[in-house]
Amino acid sequence: LLKTLEEPNPENHILLVSHAPWELPATIRSRCQHLMFPLPDKREALDWLMAQQPDDEWPELLDCVRGAPLKALEFKQQHGMDSYREEKRRFAALLSGKANLVEVGEAWSKDETGMIANWIFHWTLDLARATETGIMQMHDRELASWLKDLIPRMDSVKLFFILDKLSSLQKGIRSRNLNVQMQFETLALELMEAGE
């Protein structure tokens, strides 16, 4: 591959597509011209989604997939909102001490889409924002209403530690042979402790 990238045949173009280019070896990255394709802005994405299929849920679906319209379309077709809501309830129950952390870890470890880890990251980030700047600054109003009594008692230092751990966990799941269930159980325990 390196030889081909260094000396491609004349008139040939090679396109390497990566959703995580920072994880490619430096020897490959250094031989490529980098083109970034950012997500469209939310209004543009919503207009496109409404043209595909009118639905009042598009704004929430788009938020669930962090603004990616094609993922939102796929998510809707797979009834992903049901899964999103179920996981958000599980997350809130865990923080409130109303969920079994082993069961939560087991449920999270069975996610084959990688979406749950992203959701947990963004919910935790939202909570960290609330502990630092107030509950009115939370993006997820539903989560804010469920946890309004708990948020003032939450430890922002623990939440930021959990965010770091989640970033490492996501990278580790992709690149190493981790016991995913054990990792998620540990994460669930730390989230539960942050809510105490």
Protein backbone atom coordinates (compact mmCIF):
# COMPACT_ATOMS: atom_id res chain seq x y z
CA LEU A 1 0.00 0.00 0.00
CA LEU A 2 2.80 2.44 0.88
CA LYS A 3 4.57 1.76 -2.42
CA THR A 4 1.32 2.31 -4.32
CA LEU A 5 0.68 5.55 -2.47
CA GLU A 6 4.23 6.75 -3.13
CA GLU A 7 4.28 5.86 -6.82
CA PRO A 8 0.74 5.46 -8.17
CA ASN A 9 0.27 4.57 -11.82
CA PRO A 10 -0.25 7.63 -14.03
CA GLU A 11 -3.86 8.85 -14.27
CA ASN A 12 -4.89 6.72 -11.28
CA HIS A 13 -6.51 8.16 -8.20
CA ILE A 14 -6.84 6.29 -4.94
CA LEU A 15 -9.44 7.33 -2.40
CA LEU A 16 -8.92 6.18 1.17
CA VAL A 17 -11.97 6.85 3.33
CA SER A 18 -11.78 6.79 7.10
CA HIS A 19 -14.16 7.84 9.85
CA ALA A 20 -11.16 7.93 12.22
CA PRO A 21 -8.16 9.10 10.17
CA TRP A 22 -6.15 9.93 13.30
CA GLU A 23 -5.95 6.19 13.94
CA LEU A 24 -4.27 5.45 10.60
CA PRO A 25 -0.50 4.94 10.71
CA ALA A 26 1.47 8.16 10.20
CA THR A 27 3.25 6.59 7.20
CA ILE A 28 -0.09 6.37 5.38
CA ARG A 29 -1.42 9.77 6.50
CA SER A 30 1.78 11.51 5.39
CA ARG A 31 1.41 10.20 1.83
CA CYS A 32 -2.18 11.38 1.39
CA GLN A 33 -3.87 14.65 0.66
CA HIS A 34 -6.48 15.18 3.40
CA LEU A 35 -10.01 16.27 2.56
CA MET A 36 -12.48 16.77 5.39
CA PHE A 37 -16.21 16.38 4.76
CA PRO A 38 -17.98 18.15 7.61
CA LEU A 39 -21.56 17.47 8.57
CA PRO A 40 -24.15 19.83 7.08
CA ASP A 41 -25.61 22.41 9.44
CA LYS A 42 -28.71 21.31 11.33
CA ARG A 43 -31.21 23.34 9.25
CA GLU A 44 -29.83 21.93 5.99
CA ALA A 45 -29.86 18.37 7.37
CA LEU A 46 -33.45 18.75 8.63
CA ASP A 47 -34.60 20.12 5.26
CA TRP A 48 -33.01 17.17 3.48
CA LEU A 49 -34.54 14.65 5.92
CA MET A 50 -38.00 16.22 5.61
CA ALA A 51 -37.69 15.95 1.81
CA GLN A 52 -36.95 12.22 2.23
CA GLN A 53 -39.83 11.59 4.62
CA PRO A 54 -41.82 14.21 6.57
CA ASP A 55 -41.66 13.46 10.31
CA ASP A 56 -41.78 15.53 13.51
CA GLU A 57 -39.09 13.32 15.09
CA TRP A 58 -36.26 14.39 12.76
CA PRO A 59 -34.76 17.02 15.13
CA GLU A 60 -34.53 14.49 17.97
CA LEU A 61 -33.28 11.74 15.64
CA LEU A 62 -30.61 14.08 14.30
CA ASP A 63 -29.50 14.87 17.86
CA CYS A 64 -29.26 11.15 18.65
CA VAL A 65 -26.76 10.61 15.84
CA ARG A 66 -24.85 13.86 16.47
CA GLY A 67 -26.04 15.62 13.32
CA ALA A 68 -25.36 12.98 10.66
CA PRO A 69 -28.39 12.97 8.32
CA LEU A 70 -27.69 9.62 6.64
CA LYS A 71 -27.28 8.00 10.06
CA ALA A 72 -30.53 9.64 11.19
CA LEU A 73 -32.33 8.12 8.21
CA GLU A 74 -30.87 4.68 8.93
CA PHE A 75 -31.60 5.11 12.65
CA LYS A 76 -35.27 5.84 11.93
CA GLN A 77 -35.59 2.80 9.67
CA GLN A 78 -34.18 0.61 12.46
CA HIS A 79 -36.55 2.11 15.08
CA GLY A 80 -33.51 3.53 16.86
CA MET A 81 -35.44 6.11 18.88
CA ASP A 82 -36.91 3.33 21.01
CA SER A 83 -33.39 2.13 21.82
CA TYR A 84 -32.19 5.70 22.49
CA ARG A 85 -35.01 6.39 24.93
CA GLU A 86 -34.55 3.03 26.67
CA GLU A 87 -30.82 3.68 27.15
CA LYS A 88 -31.42 7.22 28.40
CA ARG A 89 -33.87 5.86 30.98
CA ARG A 90 -31.31 3.20 31.97
CA PHE A 91 -28.61 5.90 32.31
CA ALA A 92 -30.86 8.07 34.52
CA ALA A 93 -31.92 5.06 36.63
CA LEU A 94 -28.27 4.10 37.14
CA LEU A 95 -27.35 7.58 38.34
CA SER A 96 -30.37 7.62 40.64
CA GLY A 97 -29.34 4.29 42.16
CA LYS A 98 -32.39 2.51 40.75
CA ALA A 99 -30.59 0.17 38.35
CA ASN A 100 -28.37 -2.88 38.81
CA LEU A 101 -24.91 -1.95 37.56
CA VAL A 102 -24.12 -5.50 36.36
CA GLU A 103 -27.32 -5.57 34.28
CA VAL A 104 -26.54 -2.10 32.93
CA GLY A 105 -22.98 -3.11 32.03
CA GLU A 106 -24.24 -6.25 30.33
CA ALA A 107 -26.85 -4.31 28.31
CA TRP A 108 -24.33 -1.68 27.23
CA SER A 109 -21.72 -4.28 26.27
CA LYS A 110 -24.14 -5.90 23.79
CA ASP A 111 -24.32 -2.75 21.67
CA GLU A 112 -22.94 -3.58 18.23
CA THR A 113 -23.54 -0.13 16.74
CA GLY A 114 -21.17 1.83 18.99
CA MET A 115 -23.96 4.35 19.55
CA ILE A 116 -24.51 3.69 23.26
CA ALA A 117 -20.96 4.69 24.22
CA ASN A 118 -21.45 7.94 22.26
CA TRP A 119 -24.76 8.62 23.98
CA ILE A 120 -23.27 7.96 27.42
CA PHE A 121 -20.42 10.33 26.59
CA HIS A 122 -22.78 13.14 25.56
CA TRP A 123 -25.17 12.61 28.49
CA THR A 124 -22.21 12.67 30.88
CA LEU A 125 -20.84 15.79 29.19
CA ASP A 126 -24.27 17.41 29.53
CA LEU A 127 -24.27 16.57 33.26
CA ALA A 128 -20.75 17.94 33.69
CA ARG A 129 -21.90 21.15 31.98
CA ALA A 130 -24.85 21.36 34.37
CA THR A 131 -22.67 20.89 37.47
CA GLU A 132 -20.37 23.69 36.31
CA THR A 133 -22.82 26.22 34.81
CA GLY A 134 -26.28 25.21 36.03
CA ILE A 135 -29.03 22.85 34.99
CA MET A 136 -30.50 25.37 32.53
CA GLN A 137 -27.40 24.91 30.34
CA MET A 138 -28.16 21.23 29.68
CA HIS A 139 -28.97 20.34 26.09
CA ASP A 140 -31.13 17.34 27.00
CA ARG A 141 -34.10 18.88 28.77
CA GLU A 142 -35.70 15.50 29.46
CA LEU A 143 -32.60 14.20 31.22
CA ALA A 144 -32.38 17.49 33.14
CA SER A 145 -35.94 17.05 34.41
CA TRP A 146 -35.33 13.43 35.45
CA LEU A 147 -32.14 14.26 37.36
CA LYS A 148 -32.87 17.80 38.59
CA ASP A 149 -32.63 16.83 42.28
CA LEU A 150 -29.44 14.81 41.76
CA ILE A 151 -27.43 17.21 39.56
CA PRO A 152 -26.61 19.79 42.29
CA ARG A 153 -24.99 17.00 44.36
CA MET A 154 -22.96 15.52 41.50
CA ASP A 155 -19.17 15.75 41.51
CA SER A 156 -17.98 17.47 38.31
CA VAL A 157 -14.40 16.20 38.81
CA LYS A 158 -15.69 12.61 38.76
CA LEU A 159 -17.77 13.37 35.66
CA PHE A 160 -14.75 14.75 33.78
CA PHE A 161 -12.74 11.70 34.85
CA ILE A 162 -15.52 9.49 33.44
CA LEU A 163 -15.44 11.43 30.16
CA ASP A 164 -11.71 10.71 29.85
CA LYS A 165 -12.32 7.07 30.65
CA LEU A 166 -15.10 6.86 28.04
CA SER A 167 -12.80 8.28 25.37
CA SER A 168 -10.17 5.66 26.22
CA LEU A 169 -12.80 2.93 26.33
CA GLN A 170 -14.12 3.77 22.86
CA LYS A 171 -10.59 3.70 21.47
CA GLY A 172 -9.81 0.47 23.34
CA ILE A 173 -12.93 -1.30 22.07
CA ARG A 174 -11.84 -0.58 18.49
CA SER A 175 -8.18 -1.46 18.86
CA ARG A 176 -7.75 -3.96 21.70
CA ASN A 177 -9.27 -7.19 22.89
CA LEU A 178 -11.01 -5.84 26.00
CA ASN A 179 -13.57 -7.55 28.18
CA VAL A 180 -16.23 -5.05 27.11
CA GLN A 181 -18.81 -6.09 29.69
CA MET A 182 -16.33 -5.65 32.55
CA GLN A 183 -15.32 -2.24 31.19
CA PHE A 184 -18.94 -1.10 31.01
CA GLU A 185 -19.66 -2.47 34.50
CA THR A 186 -16.75 -0.43 35.86
CA LEU A 187 -18.05 2.61 33.99
CA ALA A 188 -21.54 2.03 35.40
CA LEU A 189 -20.10 1.86 38.91
CA GLU A 190 -18.23 5.14 38.43
CA LEU A 191 -21.36 6.83 37.08
CA MET A 192 -23.35 5.56 40.03
CA GLU A 193 -20.70 6.90 42.42
CA ALA A 194 -20.72 10.28 40.67
CA GLY A 195 -24.43 10.49 41.47
CA GLU A 196 -24.02 9.72 45.17
